[in-house]
C-alpha atoms as a PDB file:
ATOM      1  CA  MET A   1     -73.979  74.207  15.983  1.00  0.00           C
ATOM      2  CA  ALA A   2     -74.527  77.751  14.717  1.00  0.00           C
ATOM      3  CA  GLN A   3     -76.749  78.087  11.681  1.00  0.00           C
ATOM      4  CA  ASN A   4     -75.250  79.482   8.506  1.00  0.00           C
ATOM      5  CA  PRO A   5     -76.720  82.801   7.345  1.00  0.00           C
ATOM      6  CA  VAL A   6     -79.106  82.481   4.407  1.00  0.00           C
ATOM      7  CA  ASN A   7     -77.819  84.170   1.281  1.00  0.00           C
ATOM      8  CA  ILE A   8     -80.669  85.394  -0.918  1.00  0.00           C
ATOM      9  CA  ASP A   9     -80.155  86.057  -4.620  1.00  0.00           C
ATOM     10  CA  PRO A  10     -82.625  88.807  -5.656  1.00  0.00           C
ATOM     11  CA  THR A  11     -82.035  88.066  -9.345  1.00  0.00           C
ATOM     12  CA  ARG A  12     -83.437  84.522  -9.152  1.00  0.00           C
ATOM     13  CA  GLU A  13     -86.930  83.119  -8.580  1.00  0.00           C
ATOM     14  CA  PRO A  14     -87.329  81.239  -5.270  1.00  0.00           C
ATOM     15  CA  ILE A  15     -89.327  78.021  -5.442  1.00  0.00           C
ATOM     16  CA  VAL A  16     -88.727  76.542  -1.961  1.00  0.00           C
ATOM     17  CA  VAL A  17     -88.147  78.604   1.186  1.00  0.00           C
ATOM     18  CA  VAL A  18     -87.297  76.780   4.420  1.00  0.00           C
ATOM     19  CA  ASP A  19     -87.495  79.292   7.279  1.00  0.00           C
ATOM     20  CA  GLY A  20     -86.264  78.380  10.766  1.00  0.00           C
ATOM     21  CA  LEU A  21     -87.720  74.867  10.398  1.00  0.00           C
ATOM     22  CA  HIS A  22     -88.019  72.580  13.419  1.00  0.00           C
ATOM     23  CA  ILE A  23     -89.437  69.053  13.044  1.00  0.00           C
ATOM     24  CA  VAL A  24     -90.122  67.071  16.222  1.00  0.00           C
ATOM     25  CA  TYR A  25     -91.195  63.447  16.300  1.00  0.00           C
ATOM     26  CA  ARG A  26     -93.089  62.052  19.261  1.00  0.00           C
ATOM     27  CA  VAL A  27     -92.186  58.421  19.916  1.00  0.00           C
ATOM     28  CA  TYR A  28     -94.342  56.498  22.362  1.00  0.00           C
ATOM     29  CA  GLY A  29     -93.005  53.559  24.274  1.00  0.00           C
ATOM     30  CA  ALA A  30     -89.345  54.417  23.724  1.00  0.00           C
ATOM     31  CA  GLY A  31     -87.116  52.511  26.059  1.00  0.00           C
ATOM     32  CA  GLY A  32     -89.785  49.942  26.962  1.00  0.00           C
ATOM     33  CA  LYS A  33     -91.628  47.085  25.386  1.00  0.00           C
ATOM     34  CA  GLY A  34     -93.205  48.437  22.237  1.00  0.00           C
ATOM     35  CA  ASN A  35     -94.527  45.392  20.386  1.00  0.00           C
ATOM     36  CA  ALA A  36     -98.146  44.785  19.471  1.00  0.00           C
ATOM     37  CA  ALA A  37     -98.667  42.100  22.115  1.00  0.00           C
ATOM     38  CA  SER A  38     -97.605  44.359  24.968  1.00  0.00           C
ATOM     39  CA  ALA A  39     -99.712  47.214  23.594  1.00  0.00           C
ATOM     40  CA  MET A  40    -102.781  44.956  23.406  1.00  0.00           C
ATOM     41  CA  SER A  41    -102.144  43.796  26.961  1.00  0.00           C
ATOM     42  CA  ARG A  42    -102.135  47.410  28.180  1.00  0.00           C
ATOM     43  CA  VAL A  43    -105.392  48.102  26.318  1.00  0.00           C
ATOM     44  CA  ILE A  44    -107.089  45.056  27.846  1.00  0.00           C
ATOM     45  CA  LYS A  45    -105.853  45.956  31.316  1.00  0.00           C
ATOM     46  CA  ARG A  46    -106.737  49.650  30.756  1.00  0.00           C
ATOM     47  CA  GLN A  47    -103.166  50.606  31.505  1.00  0.00           C
ATOM     48  CA  LYS A  48    -101.750  53.966  30.507  1.00  0.00           C
ATOM     49  CA  ARG A  49     -99.699  53.980  27.363  1.00  0.00           C
ATOM     50  CA  PRO A  50     -95.926  54.109  27.857  1.00  0.00           C
ATOM     51  CA  SER A  51     -93.930  57.288  28.202  1.00  0.00           C
ATOM     52  CA  MET A  52     -93.384  59.611  25.265  1.00  0.00           C
ATOM     53  CA  THR A  53     -89.971  60.668  23.963  1.00  0.00           C
ATOM     54  CA  GLU A  54     -89.438  63.612  21.628  1.00  0.00           C
ATOM     55  CA  VAL A  55     -86.933  63.353  18.769  1.00  0.00           C
ATOM     56  CA  HIS A  56     -85.809  66.723  17.448  1.00  0.00           C
ATOM     57  CA  ALA A  57     -85.059  65.719  13.834  1.00  0.00           C
ATOM     58  CA  ILE A  58     -84.671  69.173  12.193  1.00  0.00           C
ATOM     59  CA  LYS A  59     -83.306  72.053  14.268  1.00  0.00           C
ATOM     60  CA  GLY A  60     -83.811  75.563  12.965  1.00  0.00           C
ATOM     61  CA  LEU A  61     -82.993  74.883   9.314  1.00  0.00           C
ATOM     62  CA  SER A  62     -83.166  77.765   6.822  1.00  0.00           C
ATOM     63  CA  PHE A  63     -82.355  78.002   3.117  1.00  0.00           C
ATOM     64  CA  VAL A  64     -83.799  79.123  -0.221  1.00  0.00           C
ATOM     65  CA  ALA A  65     -83.892  76.938  -3.339  1.00  0.00           C
ATOM     66  CA  TYR A  66     -84.397  78.593  -6.705  1.00  0.00           C
ATOM     67  CA  ARG A  67     -86.275  77.573  -9.831  1.00  0.00           C
ATOM     68  CA  GLY A  68     -84.100  75.409 -12.052  1.00  0.00           C
ATOM     69  CA  GLU A  69     -81.821  74.085  -9.296  1.00  0.00           C
ATOM     70  CA  ALA A  70     -80.941  70.460  -8.587  1.00  0.00           C
ATOM     71  CA  VAL A  71     -80.153  70.312  -4.868  1.00  0.00           C
ATOM     72  CA  GLY A  72     -78.413  67.314  -3.316  1.00  0.00           C
ATOM     73  CA  VAL A  73     -78.943  66.590   0.384  1.00  0.00           C
ATOM     74  CA  ILE A  74     -76.233  64.527   2.088  1.00  0.00           C
ATOM     75  CA  GLY A  75     -75.416  63.456   5.630  1.00  0.00           C
ATOM     76  CA  THR A  76     -75.000  60.373   7.773  1.00  0.00           C
ATOM     77  CA  ASN A  77     -77.918  58.149   8.774  1.00  0.00           C
ATOM     78  CA  GLY A  78     -80.233  60.035  11.121  1.00  0.00           C
ATOM     79  CA  SER A  79     -79.035  63.468  10.050  1.00  0.00           C
ATOM     80  CA  GLY A  80     -82.523  64.527   8.890  1.00  0.00           C
ATOM     81  CA  LYS A  81     -82.323  64.121   5.112  1.00  0.00           C
ATOM     82  CA  SER A  82     -85.531  62.151   4.552  1.00  0.00           C
ATOM     83  CA  THR A  83     -87.307  64.195   7.223  1.00  0.00           C
ATOM     84  CA  LEU A  84     -86.457  67.378   5.328  1.00  0.00           C
ATOM     85  CA  LEU A  85     -87.899  66.030   2.078  1.00  0.00           C
ATOM     86  CA  GLN A  86     -91.072  64.895   3.832  1.00  0.00           C
ATOM     87  CA  ALA A  87     -91.431  68.355   5.378  1.00  0.00           C
ATOM     88  CA  ILE A  88     -91.026  70.047   1.985  1.00  0.00           C
ATOM     89  CA  ALA A  89     -93.634  67.648   0.581  1.00  0.00           C
ATOM     90  CA  GLY A  90     -96.039  68.742   3.324  1.00  0.00           C
ATOM     91  CA  LEU A  91     -96.155  65.323   4.985  1.00  0.00           C
ATOM     92  CA  LEU A  92     -94.684  66.460   8.322  1.00  0.00           C
ATOM     93  CA  PRO A  93     -96.006  69.502  10.219  1.00  0.00           C
ATOM     94  CA  PRO A  94     -93.389  71.941  11.542  1.00  0.00           C
ATOM     95  CA  ALA A  95     -93.059  72.289  15.303  1.00  0.00           C
ATOM     96  CA  ARG A  96     -91.735  75.800  14.620  1.00  0.00           C
ATOM     97  CA  GLY A  97     -90.819  77.730  11.503  1.00  0.00           C
ATOM     98  CA  GLY A  98     -92.193  76.849   8.107  1.00  0.00           C
ATOM     99  CA  VAL A  99     -91.745  75.584   4.559  1.00  0.00           C
ATOM    100  CA  TYR A 100     -93.074  77.550   1.601  1.00  0.00           C
ATOM    101  CA  THR A 101     -93.223  76.218  -1.958  1.00  0.00           C
ATOM    102  CA  ASP A 102     -94.275  77.724  -5.261  1.00  0.00           C
ATOM    103  CA  GLY A 103     -96.297  74.885  -6.752  1.00  0.00           C
ATOM    104  CA  GLN A 104     -96.958  71.298  -5.748  1.00  0.00           C
ATOM    105  CA  PRO A 105     -94.071  69.184  -4.396  1.00  0.00           C
ATOM    106  CA  SER A 106     -93.959  65.499  -5.372  1.00  0.00           C
ATOM    107  CA  LEU A 107     -92.051  63.015  -3.201  1.00  0.00           C
ATOM    108  CA  LEU A 108     -90.529  59.991  -4.914  1.00  0.00           C
ATOM    109  CA  GLY A 109     -89.138  57.669  -2.250  1.00  0.00           C
ATOM    110  CA  VAL A 110     -87.464  54.309  -2.288  1.00  0.00           C
ATOM    111  CA  ASN A 111     -90.768  52.928  -0.960  1.00  0.00           C
ATOM    112  CA  ALA A 112     -92.947  54.856  -3.391  1.00  0.00           C
ATOM    113  CA  ALA A 113     -96.297  53.110  -3.619  1.00  0.00           C
ATOM    114  CA  LEU A 114     -96.505  50.548  -6.387  1.00  0.00           C
ATOM    115  CA  MET A 115     -98.985  47.713  -6.031  1.00  0.00           C
ATOM    116  CA  LYS A 116     -97.018  44.474  -5.874  1.00  0.00           C
ATOM    117  CA  ASP A 117     -99.885  42.255  -7.033  1.00  0.00           C
ATOM    118  CA  LEU A 118    -100.502  44.324 -10.176  1.00  0.00           C
ATOM    119  CA  THR A 119     -98.397  44.155 -13.317  1.00  0.00           C
ATOM    120  CA  GLY A 120     -95.878  46.813 -14.255  1.00  0.00           C
ATOM    121  CA  GLU A 121     -98.271  47.871 -17.018  1.00  0.00           C
ATOM    122  CA  ARG A 122    -101.132  48.524 -14.592  1.00  0.00           C
ATOM    123  CA  ASN A 123     -98.819  50.328 -12.170  1.00  0.00           C
ATOM    124  CA  ILE A 124     -97.689  52.668 -14.937  1.00  0.00           C
ATOM    125  CA  VAL A 125    -101.280  53.519 -15.836  1.00  0.00           C
ATOM    126  CA  LEU A 126    -102.362  53.999 -12.223  1.00  0.00           C
ATOM    127  CA  GLY A 127     -99.218  55.968 -11.375  1.00  0.00           C
ATOM    128  CA  CYS A 128     -99.662  58.373 -14.275  1.00  0.00           C
ATOM    129  CA  LEU A 129    -103.354  58.881 -13.518  1.00  0.00           C
ATOM    130  CA  ALA A 130    -102.543  59.456  -9.832  1.00  0.00           C
ATOM    131  CA  MET A 131    -100.131  62.233 -10.836  1.00  0.00           C
ATOM    132  CA  GLY A 132    -103.000  64.005 -12.584  1.00  0.00           C
ATOM    133  CA  MET A 133    -102.311  62.968 -16.169  1.00  0.00           C
ATOM    134  CA  THR A 134    -105.304  62.373 -18.429  1.00  0.00           C
ATOM    135  CA  PRO A 135    -106.005  58.921 -19.904  1.00  0.00           C
ATOM    136  CA  GLN A 136    -104.804  60.211 -23.279  1.00  0.00           C
ATOM    137  CA  GLU A 137    -101.592  61.627 -21.810  1.00  0.00           C
ATOM    138  CA  THR A 138    -101.037  58.344 -19.996  1.00  0.00           C
ATOM    139  CA  LYS A 139    -101.474  56.402 -23.225  1.00  0.00           C
ATOM    140  CA  GLU A 140     -99.034  58.693 -25.029  1.00  0.00           C
ATOM    141  CA  LYS A 141     -96.406  58.397 -22.282  1.00  0.00           C
ATOM    142  CA  TYR A 142     -96.767  54.654 -21.643  1.00  0.00           C
ATOM    143  CA  GLN A 143     -94.112  53.324 -24.025  1.00  0.00           C
ATOM    144  CA  GLU A 144     -91.705  56.097 -23.023  1.00  0.00           C
ATOM    145  CA  VAL A 145     -91.995  54.968 -19.382  1.00  0.00           C
ATOM    146  CA  VAL A 146     -91.406  51.327 -20.339  1.00  0.00           C
ATOM    147  CA  ASP A 147     -88.360  52.190 -22.415  1.00  0.00           C
ATOM    148  CA  PHE A 148     -86.920  54.471 -19.748  1.00  0.00           C
ATOM    149  CA  ALA A 149     -87.263  51.822 -17.022  1.00  0.00           C
ATOM    150  CA  GLY A 150     -85.309  49.387 -19.164  1.00  0.00           C
ATOM    151  CA  LEU A 151     -87.164  46.323 -17.933  1.00  0.00           C
ATOM    152  CA  LYS A 152     -86.304  42.906 -19.329  1.00  0.00           C
ATOM    153  CA  PRO A 153     -88.561  41.776 -22.208  1.00  0.00           C
ATOM    154  CA  GLY A 154     -91.924  40.576 -20.966  1.00  0.00           C
ATOM    155  CA  PHE A 155     -91.500  41.803 -17.379  1.00  0.00           C
ATOM    156  CA  ILE A 156     -93.885  44.695 -17.913  1.00  0.00           C
ATOM    157  CA  ASN A 157     -96.680  42.074 -17.927  1.00  0.00           C
ATOM    158  CA  TYR A 158     -95.479  40.411 -14.687  1.00  0.00           C
ATOM    159  CA  PRO A 159     -96.697  41.312 -11.184  1.00  0.00           C
ATOM    160  CA  MET A 160     -94.479  43.784  -9.359  1.00  0.00           C
ATOM    161  CA  ARG A 161     -93.718  41.190  -6.675  1.00  0.00           C
ATOM    162  CA  THR A 162     -91.573  39.365  -9.265  1.00  0.00           C
ATOM    163  CA  TYR A 163     -89.349  42.445  -9.795  1.00  0.00           C
ATOM    164  CA  SER A 164     -85.938  42.884  -8.229  1.00  0.00           C
ATOM    165  CA  SER A 165     -85.377  45.979  -6.065  1.00  0.00           C
ATOM    166  CA  GLY A 166     -83.465  47.565  -8.931  1.00  0.00           C
ATOM    167  CA  MET A 167     -86.238  46.964 -11.436  1.00  0.00           C
ATOM    168  CA  GLY A 168     -88.812  48.397  -9.033  1.00  0.00           C
ATOM    169  CA  ALA A 169     -86.685  51.492  -8.390  1.00  0.00           C
ATOM    170  CA  ARG A 170     -86.196  52.104 -12.106  1.00  0.00           C
ATOM    171  CA  LEU A 171     -89.919  51.811 -12.769  1.00  0.00           C
ATOM    172  CA  ARG A 172     -90.761  54.189  -9.892  1.00  0.00           C
ATOM    173  CA  PHE A 173     -88.415  56.827 -11.283  1.00  0.00           C
ATOM    174  CA  ALA A 174     -89.611  56.288 -14.859  1.00  0.00           C
ATOM    175  CA  ILE A 175     -93.237  56.837 -13.804  1.00  0.00           C
ATOM    176  CA  ALA A 176     -92.404  59.966 -11.779  1.00  0.00           C
ATOM    177  CA  ALA A 177     -90.267  61.355 -14.607  1.00  0.00           C
ATOM    178  CA  ALA A 178     -93.124  61.019 -17.108  1.00  0.00           C
ATOM    179  CA  LYS A 179     -94.625  64.239 -15.774  1.00  0.00           C
ATOM    180  CA  THR A 180     -93.202  67.708 -15.261  1.00  0.00           C
ATOM    181  CA  HIS A 181     -93.182  68.565 -11.553  1.00  0.00           C
ATOM    182  CA  ASP A 182     -93.074  71.910  -9.782  1.00  0.00           C
ATOM    183  CA  VAL A 183     -90.730  70.441  -7.145  1.00  0.00           C
ATOM    184  CA  LEU A 184     -89.544  66.836  -7.452  1.00  0.00           C
ATOM    185  CA  LEU A 185     -88.183  65.260  -4.254  1.00  0.00           C
ATOM    186  CA  ILE A 186     -86.182  62.054  -4.808  1.00  0.00           C
ATOM    187  CA  ASP A 187     -85.304  60.017  -1.714  1.00  0.00           C
ATOM    188  CA  GLU A 188     -82.788  57.244  -2.495  1.00  0.00           C
ATOM    189  CA  ALA A 189     -84.824  56.175  -5.515  1.00  0.00           C
ATOM    190  CA  LEU A 190     -81.716  56.067  -7.745  1.00  0.00           C
ATOM    191  CA  ALA A 191     -79.624  54.038  -5.309  1.00  0.00           C
ATOM    192  CA  THR A 192     -80.163  50.702  -7.012  1.00  0.00           C
ATOM    193  CA  GLY A 193     -79.723  51.866 -10.607  1.00  0.00           C
ATOM    194  CA  ASP A 194     -76.683  50.912 -12.665  1.00  0.00           C
ATOM    195  CA  GLY A 195     -74.383  53.384 -14.393  1.00  0.00           C
ATOM    196  CA  LYS A 196     -76.415  53.440 -17.599  1.00  0.00           C
ATOM    197  CA  PHE A 197     -79.648  54.130 -15.759  1.00  0.00           C
ATOM    198  CA  ARG A 198     -78.014  56.836 -13.610  1.00  0.00           C
ATOM    199  CA  ALA A 199     -76.839  58.571 -16.787  1.00  0.00           C
ATOM    200  CA  LYS A 200     -80.388  58.499 -18.185  1.00  0.00           C
ATOM    201  CA  SER A 201     -81.753  59.726 -14.856  1.00  0.00           C
ATOM    202  CA  LYS A 202     -79.293  62.606 -14.794  1.00  0.00           C
ATOM    203  CA  ARG A 203     -80.372  63.714 -18.271  1.00  0.00           C
ATOM    204  CA  ARG A 204     -84.043  63.486 -17.318  1.00  0.00           C
ATOM    205  CA  ILE A 205     -83.497  65.463 -14.108  1.00  0.00           C
ATOM    206  CA  GLU A 206     -81.799  68.177 -16.162  1.00  0.00           C
ATOM    207  CA  GLU A 207     -84.836  68.230 -18.468  1.00  0.00           C
ATOM    208  CA  LEU A 208     -87.213  68.464 -15.491  1.00  0.00           C
ATOM    209  CA  ARG A 209     -85.254  71.429 -14.130  1.00  0.00           C
ATOM    210  CA  LYS A 210     -85.513  73.244 -17.430  1.00  0.00           C
ATOM    211  CA  GLU A 211     -89.179  72.426 -17.956  1.00  0.00           C
ATOM    212  CA  ALA A 212     -90.457  73.465 -14.545  1.00  0.00           C
ATOM    213  CA  GLY A 213     -89.157  73.849 -11.019  1.00  0.00           C
ATOM    214  CA  ALA A 214     -86.473  72.312  -8.838  1.00  0.00           C
ATOM    215  CA  VAL A 215     -85.235  68.847  -7.955  1.00  0.00           C
ATOM    216  CA  PHE A 216     -84.066  67.670  -4.511  1.00  0.00           C
ATOM    217  CA  LEU A 217     -82.041  64.457  -4.353  1.00  0.00           C
ATOM    218  CA  VAL A 218     -81.171  62.447  -1.235  1.00  0.00           C
ATOM    219  CA  ALA A 219     -78.588  59.734  -1.926  1.00  0.00           C
ATOM    220  CA  HIS A 220     -75.838  57.999   0.011  1.00  0.00           C
ATOM    221  CA  GLN A 221     -73.934  57.475  -3.232  1.00  0.00           C
ATOM    222  CA  LEU A 222     -71.952  60.691  -3.412  1.00  0.00           C
ATOM    223  CA  ASP A 223     -70.985  60.155  -7.042  1.00  0.00           C
ATOM    224  CA  VAL A 224     -74.690  60.240  -7.969  1.00  0.00           C
ATOM    225  CA  VAL A 225     -75.101  63.560  -6.134  1.00  0.00           C
ATOM    226  CA  ARG A 226     -71.940  64.982  -7.677  1.00  0.00           C
ATOM    227  CA  GLU A 227     -73.012  63.999 -11.204  1.00  0.00           C
ATOM    228  CA  THR A 228     -76.639  65.099 -10.865  1.00  0.00           C
ATOM    229  CA  CYS A 229     -76.743  68.234  -8.677  1.00  0.00           C
ATOM    230  CA  ASP A 230     -75.444  71.772  -9.032  1.00  0.00           C
ATOM    231  CA  ARG A 231     -75.755  72.504  -5.303  1.00  0.00           C
ATOM    232  CA  VAL A 232     -75.385  70.349  -2.178  1.00  0.00           C
ATOM    233  CA  ILE A 233     -76.701  70.790   1.360  1.00  0.00           C
ATOM    234  CA  TRP A 234     -74.913  68.839   4.111  1.00  0.00           C
ATOM    235  CA  LEU A 235     -77.066  68.075   7.151  1.00  0.00           C
ATOM    236  CA  ASP A 236     -75.584  67.045  10.488  1.00  0.00           C
ATOM    237  CA  ASP A 237     -77.877  66.171  13.407  1.00  0.00           C
ATOM    238  CA  GLY A 238     -80.740  68.103  11.831  1.00  0.00           C
ATOM    239  CA  GLN A 239     -78.726  71.267  11.243  1.00  0.00           C
ATOM    240  CA  MET A 240     -77.044  72.890   8.278  1.00  0.00           C
ATOM    241  CA  ARG A 241     -73.367  71.985   8.225  1.00  0.00           C
ATOM    242  CA  MET A 242     -72.605  73.324   4.757  1.00  0.00           C
ATOM    243  CA  ASP A 243     -74.345  74.581   1.604  1.00  0.00           C
ATOM    244  CA  GLY A 244     -72.495  75.128  -1.645  1.00  0.00           C
ATOM    245  CA  PRO A 245     -71.048  73.666  -4.864  1.00  0.00           C
ATOM    246  CA  PRO A 246     -71.044  69.837  -5.042  1.00  0.00           C
ATOM    247  CA  ASP A 247     -67.269  69.320  -5.218  1.00  0.00           C
ATOM    248  CA  GLU A 248     -66.634  71.635  -2.286  1.00  0.00           C
ATOM    249  CA  VAL A 249     -69.339  70.253   0.005  1.00  0.00           C
ATOM    250  CA  ILE A 250     -68.769  66.577  -0.843  1.00  0.00           C
ATOM    251  CA  SER A 251     -65.022  66.912  -0.315  1.00  0.00           C
ATOM    252  CA  ALA A 252     -65.569  68.476   3.117  1.00  0.00           C
ATOM    253  CA  TYR A 253     -68.145  65.824   4.041  1.00  0.00           C
ATOM    254  CA  THR A 254     -65.875  62.974   2.931  1.00  0.00           C
ATOM    255  CA  GLU A 255     -62.949  64.363   4.894  1.00  0.00           C
ATOM    256  CA  ALA A 256     -65.084  64.799   8.042  1.00  0.00           C
ATOM    257  CA  THR A 257     -66.618  61.309   7.907  1.00  0.00           C
ATOM    258  CA  GLN A 258     -63.266  59.585   7.349  1.00  0.00           C
ATOM    259  CA  LYS A 259     -61.703  60.974  10.519  1.00  0.00           C
END
């Protein structure tokens, strides 16, 4: 698939530049027995580890995101969406090409680390401190986070293991949204929210865009992307299929996936 040319707007401030990016995973034991028992058996017997298979997840991707943009990333499972966000966050090294950001990217994933044995209250405090907020800032933001998450009365004092997936997702987003980020990367973290919470999230994302940098959103729910983003990138097998206005890109994606 030929890569689309990158259109650069000289009148706007770039905040993320993805330049000819290639991400390659190395998977060991693909096609054979890969469980812990078989691995331990090979170690004991001093056998060589199984063969290695390379997975080319991102293939020569290039684009520029500008300060103040909310960029949706869509595509089928395995198209490279989450891989792209991890690369922008600096968690995956490029095989070739590069990713350049102005400021510190923050990745908020569906599995964002909250400690299940601690209460929601303690997770809010620890989460805010981990993002670099001072104890005083954390104290000032605490009730705002609780209110935004919309937890049932009393649940903030319960261990996280008692929360539903939706409650956990709302609390993760509420904690992340308590701070202004240079680049906020959201990977499916809004998937379990109801309509009311999505509306609040949309408003907060708009505020984050105005206050600082850019927001990237990966979501399978196309209505969430359409409502939240002002630009959409469609990935297909690790390559750029389309990049443009939400209605235009989502319509083309829907038509292609329904064939």
